[in-house]
């Protein structure tokens, strides 16, 4: 599921790919999200988006996890800033 869509910051993506621990955390969060465990994935996405803010997929998945946890605004500011998309 680690397909990268949209624009990414190459330095952030390269840093993440060089960190087996963070890459595994991302993959685990994705599996949790797919299994309906948004609440468990949310803290991981919050941490990863702070440490790797240029990876748009992290922001998208943070928003998905937040919505699954009924925290609809959690992922919007960062995703909006990076994608140039307005949320209402």
N, C-alpha and C. Protein backbone atom coordinates (compact mmCIF):
# COMPACT_ATOMS: atom_id res chain seq x y z
N UNK A 1 0.81 -1.20 0.00
CA UNK A 1 0.00 0.00 0.00
C UNK A 1 0.85 1.27 0.00
N UNK A 2 2.13 1.13 -0.05
CA UNK A 2 2.99 2.29 -0.01
C UNK A 2 3.15 2.97 -1.36
N UNK A 3 2.15 2.89 -2.21
CA UNK A 3 2.20 3.60 -3.48
C UNK A 3 2.15 5.09 -3.20
N UNK A 4 3.02 5.84 -3.82
CA UNK A 4 3.11 7.27 -3.54
C UNK A 4 2.35 8.03 -4.61
N UNK A 5 1.34 8.79 -4.20
CA UNK A 5 0.55 9.57 -5.13
C UNK A 5 0.81 11.05 -4.91
N UNK A 6 0.55 11.81 -5.91
CA UNK A 6 0.69 13.25 -5.76
C UNK A 6 2.14 13.66 -5.62
N UNK A 7 2.33 14.90 -5.21
CA UNK A 7 3.69 15.40 -5.08
C UNK A 7 4.26 14.99 -3.73
N UNK A 8 5.53 14.75 -3.73
CA UNK A 8 6.22 14.46 -2.48
C UNK A 8 7.49 15.29 -2.44
N UNK A 9 7.94 15.53 -1.27
CA UNK A 9 9.23 16.17 -1.10
C UNK A 9 10.27 15.07 -1.15
N UNK A 10 11.09 15.07 -2.19
CA UNK A 10 12.08 14.01 -2.35
C UNK A 10 12.99 13.85 -1.14
N UNK A 11 13.46 14.95 -0.51
CA UNK A 11 14.30 14.75 0.68
C UNK A 11 13.57 14.01 1.80
N UNK A 12 12.31 14.34 2.04
CA UNK A 12 11.55 13.66 3.09
C UNK A 12 11.33 12.20 2.74
N UNK A 13 10.99 11.94 1.50
CA UNK A 13 10.77 10.56 1.07
C UNK A 13 12.06 9.76 1.18
N UNK A 14 13.17 10.34 0.77
CA UNK A 14 14.45 9.65 0.87
C UNK A 14 14.81 9.37 2.33
N UNK A 15 14.57 10.34 3.21
CA UNK A 15 14.85 10.12 4.64
C UNK A 15 13.99 9.00 5.20
N UNK A 16 12.71 8.98 4.83
CA UNK A 16 11.82 7.93 5.33
C UNK A 16 12.26 6.57 4.82
N UNK A 17 12.60 6.49 3.55
CA UNK A 17 13.02 5.21 2.98
C UNK A 17 14.32 4.70 3.60
N UNK A 18 15.13 5.59 4.15
CA UNK A 18 16.39 5.18 4.80
C UNK A 18 16.20 4.82 6.26
N UNK A 19 14.98 4.92 6.74
CA UNK A 19 14.68 4.60 8.14
C UNK A 19 13.78 3.36 8.20
N UNK A 20 14.37 2.17 8.34
CA UNK A 20 13.55 0.95 8.38
C UNK A 20 12.49 1.00 9.48
N UNK A 21 12.82 1.60 10.61
CA UNK A 21 11.86 1.69 11.73
C UNK A 21 10.64 2.52 11.33
N UNK A 22 10.88 3.70 10.74
CA UNK A 22 9.77 4.55 10.35
C UNK A 22 8.97 3.95 9.19
N UNK A 23 9.66 3.31 8.27
CA UNK A 23 8.96 2.66 7.16
C UNK A 23 8.05 1.55 7.68
N UNK A 24 8.54 0.78 8.64
CA UNK A 24 7.72 -0.28 9.25
C UNK A 24 6.55 0.32 10.02
N UNK A 25 6.77 1.42 10.73
CA UNK A 25 5.67 2.09 11.45
C UNK A 25 4.59 2.53 10.48
N UNK A 26 5.00 3.08 9.33
CA UNK A 26 4.04 3.53 8.33
C UNK A 26 3.24 2.33 7.79
N UNK A 27 3.95 1.27 7.46
CA UNK A 27 3.27 0.08 6.94
C UNK A 27 2.30 -0.50 7.97
N UNK A 28 2.71 -0.52 9.23
CA UNK A 28 1.82 -1.03 10.30
C UNK A 28 0.59 -0.13 10.44
N UNK A 29 0.79 1.19 10.38
CA UNK A 29 -0.35 2.12 10.46
C UNK A 29 -1.30 1.91 9.29
N UNK A 30 -0.75 1.66 8.10
CA UNK A 30 -1.60 1.40 6.94
C UNK A 30 -2.42 0.13 7.15
N UNK A 31 -1.78 -0.91 7.68
CA UNK A 31 -2.52 -2.16 7.93
C UNK A 31 -3.62 -1.94 8.97
N UNK A 32 -3.30 -1.18 10.03
CA UNK A 32 -4.31 -0.88 11.05
C UNK A 32 -5.48 -0.12 10.44
N UNK A 33 -5.16 0.86 9.60
CA UNK A 33 -6.20 1.67 8.97
C UNK A 33 -7.10 0.81 8.10
N UNK A 34 -6.52 -0.08 7.31
CA UNK A 34 -7.30 -0.96 6.45
C UNK A 34 -8.16 -1.94 7.25
N UNK A 35 -7.69 -2.29 8.44
CA UNK A 35 -8.42 -3.23 9.28
C UNK A 35 -9.46 -2.53 10.15
N UNK A 36 -9.63 -1.22 9.98
CA UNK A 36 -10.62 -0.49 10.75
C UNK A 36 -10.10 0.06 12.06
N UNK A 37 -8.79 0.05 12.24
CA UNK A 37 -8.20 0.54 13.48
C UNK A 37 -7.67 1.96 13.37
N UNK A 38 -8.52 2.88 12.95
CA UNK A 38 -8.09 4.26 12.75
C UNK A 38 -7.51 4.88 14.01
N UNK A 39 -8.12 4.61 15.15
CA UNK A 39 -7.66 5.21 16.41
C UNK A 39 -6.23 4.80 16.73
N UNK A 40 -5.88 3.56 16.43
CA UNK A 40 -4.52 3.09 16.69
C UNK A 40 -3.50 3.66 15.73
N UNK A 41 -3.93 3.95 14.51
CA UNK A 41 -3.02 4.47 13.49
C UNK A 41 -2.81 5.97 13.62
N UNK A 42 -3.77 6.66 14.18
CA UNK A 42 -3.74 8.12 14.23
C UNK A 42 -2.47 8.70 14.88
N UNK A 43 -2.04 8.22 16.05
CA UNK A 43 -0.82 8.79 16.66
C UNK A 43 0.43 8.58 15.79
N UNK A 44 0.49 7.47 15.10
CA UNK A 44 1.63 7.20 14.23
C UNK A 44 1.64 8.19 13.07
N UNK A 45 0.49 8.41 12.45
CA UNK A 45 0.42 9.37 11.35
C UNK A 45 0.73 10.79 11.83
N UNK A 46 0.27 11.13 13.01
CA UNK A 46 0.58 12.48 13.54
C UNK A 46 2.09 12.65 13.69
N UNK A 47 2.75 11.65 14.21
CA UNK A 47 4.20 11.71 14.38
C UNK A 47 4.91 11.75 13.03
N UNK A 48 4.53 10.87 12.13
CA UNK A 48 5.21 10.81 10.83
C UNK A 48 5.01 12.08 10.01
N UNK A 49 3.83 12.68 10.07
CA UNK A 49 3.61 13.91 9.31
C UNK A 49 4.44 15.06 9.87
N UNK A 50 4.70 15.04 11.17
CA UNK A 50 5.55 16.09 11.76
C UNK A 50 7.01 15.89 11.37
N UNK A 51 7.42 14.66 11.27
CA UNK A 51 8.82 14.36 10.96
C UNK A 51 9.13 14.34 9.47
N UNK A 52 8.11 14.04 8.65
CA UNK A 52 8.27 13.97 7.20
C UNK A 52 7.14 14.75 6.53
N UNK A 53 7.08 16.05 6.73
CA UNK A 53 5.93 16.84 6.28
C UNK A 53 5.76 16.94 4.76
N UNK A 54 6.78 16.60 4.01
CA UNK A 54 6.69 16.74 2.56
C UNK A 54 6.06 15.55 1.85
N UNK A 55 5.68 14.51 2.58
CA UNK A 55 5.10 13.32 1.95
C UNK A 55 3.58 13.42 1.99
N UNK A 56 3.01 13.75 0.85
CA UNK A 56 1.57 13.99 0.75
C UNK A 56 0.75 12.77 1.18
N UNK A 57 1.21 11.58 0.85
CA UNK A 57 0.47 10.37 1.24
C UNK A 57 0.27 10.29 2.75
N UNK A 58 1.28 10.68 3.51
CA UNK A 58 1.14 10.64 4.97
C UNK A 58 0.00 11.55 5.42
N UNK A 59 -0.10 12.73 4.81
CA UNK A 59 -1.18 13.66 5.18
C UNK A 59 -2.54 13.12 4.77
N UNK A 60 -2.61 12.52 3.59
CA UNK A 60 -3.87 11.92 3.13
C UNK A 60 -4.30 10.81 4.08
N UNK A 61 -3.36 9.93 4.43
CA UNK A 61 -3.68 8.82 5.33
C UNK A 61 -3.99 9.32 6.74
N UNK A 62 -3.33 10.39 7.18
CA UNK A 62 -3.68 11.00 8.46
C UNK A 62 -5.14 11.46 8.44
N UNK A 63 -5.53 12.11 7.36
CA UNK A 63 -6.92 12.56 7.23
C UNK A 63 -7.90 11.40 7.22
N UNK A 64 -7.52 10.33 6.55
CA UNK A 64 -8.38 9.13 6.51
C UNK A 64 -8.51 8.52 7.90
N UNK A 65 -7.39 8.42 8.61
CA UNK A 65 -7.42 7.87 9.98
C UNK A 65 -8.24 8.77 10.89
N UNK A 66 -8.06 10.08 10.75
CA UNK A 66 -8.80 11.03 11.59
C UNK A 66 -10.29 10.93 11.33
N UNK A 67 -10.68 10.80 10.07
CA UNK A 67 -12.10 10.66 9.74
C UNK A 67 -12.66 9.37 10.32
N UNK A 68 -11.86 8.31 10.26
CA UNK A 68 -12.28 7.04 10.83
C UNK A 68 -12.45 7.10 12.33
N UNK A 69 -11.74 8.03 12.94
CA UNK A 69 -11.84 8.22 14.39
C UNK A 69 -12.77 9.39 14.73
N UNK A 70 -13.49 9.87 13.71
CA UNK A 70 -14.45 10.98 13.84
C UNK A 70 -13.78 12.29 14.27
N UNK A 71 -12.51 12.46 13.94
CA UNK A 71 -11.77 13.70 14.20
C UNK A 71 -11.53 14.35 12.84
N UNK A 72 -12.59 14.92 12.28
CA UNK A 72 -12.60 15.32 10.88
C UNK A 72 -11.62 16.42 10.51
N UNK A 73 -11.18 17.21 11.45
CA UNK A 73 -10.28 18.31 11.12
C UNK A 73 -8.80 18.02 11.38
N UNK A 74 -8.49 16.88 11.92
CA UNK A 74 -7.10 16.60 12.34
C UNK A 74 -6.10 16.69 11.19
N UNK A 75 -6.41 16.14 10.05
CA UNK A 75 -5.45 16.12 8.96
C UNK A 75 -5.57 17.26 7.98
N UNK A 76 -6.59 18.07 8.11
CA UNK A 76 -6.85 19.09 7.09
C UNK A 76 -5.80 20.18 6.96
N UNK A 77 -5.31 20.78 8.02
CA UNK A 77 -4.37 21.90 7.84
C UNK A 77 -3.13 21.52 7.03
N UNK A 78 -2.50 20.43 7.37
CA UNK A 78 -1.29 20.03 6.67
C UNK A 78 -1.56 19.61 5.24
N UNK A 79 -2.61 18.86 5.03
CA UNK A 79 -2.95 18.42 3.68
C UNK A 79 -3.32 19.62 2.82
N UNK A 80 -4.07 20.51 3.37
CA UNK A 80 -4.47 21.72 2.64
C UNK A 80 -3.25 22.53 2.22
N UNK A 81 -2.32 22.70 3.12
CA UNK A 81 -1.12 23.49 2.84
C UNK A 81 -0.26 22.84 1.77
N UNK A 82 -0.19 21.52 1.76
CA UNK A 82 0.67 20.84 0.82
C UNK A 82 0.01 20.56 -0.51
N UNK A 83 -1.29 20.39 -0.52
CA UNK A 83 -1.99 20.06 -1.76
C UNK A 83 -2.65 21.27 -2.40
N UNK A 84 -2.75 22.37 -1.67
CA UNK A 84 -3.41 23.54 -2.22
C UNK A 84 -4.90 23.32 -2.38
N UNK A 85 -5.48 22.50 -1.52
CA UNK A 85 -6.91 22.17 -1.59
C UNK A 85 -7.63 22.84 -0.44
N UNK A 86 -8.76 23.43 -0.72
CA UNK A 86 -9.56 24.03 0.34
C UNK A 86 -10.53 23.03 0.93
N UNK A 87 -10.64 23.02 2.24
CA UNK A 87 -11.60 22.17 2.93
C UNK A 87 -12.62 23.06 3.61
N UNK A 88 -13.86 22.66 3.54
CA UNK A 88 -14.93 23.46 4.14
C UNK A 88 -15.69 22.64 5.14
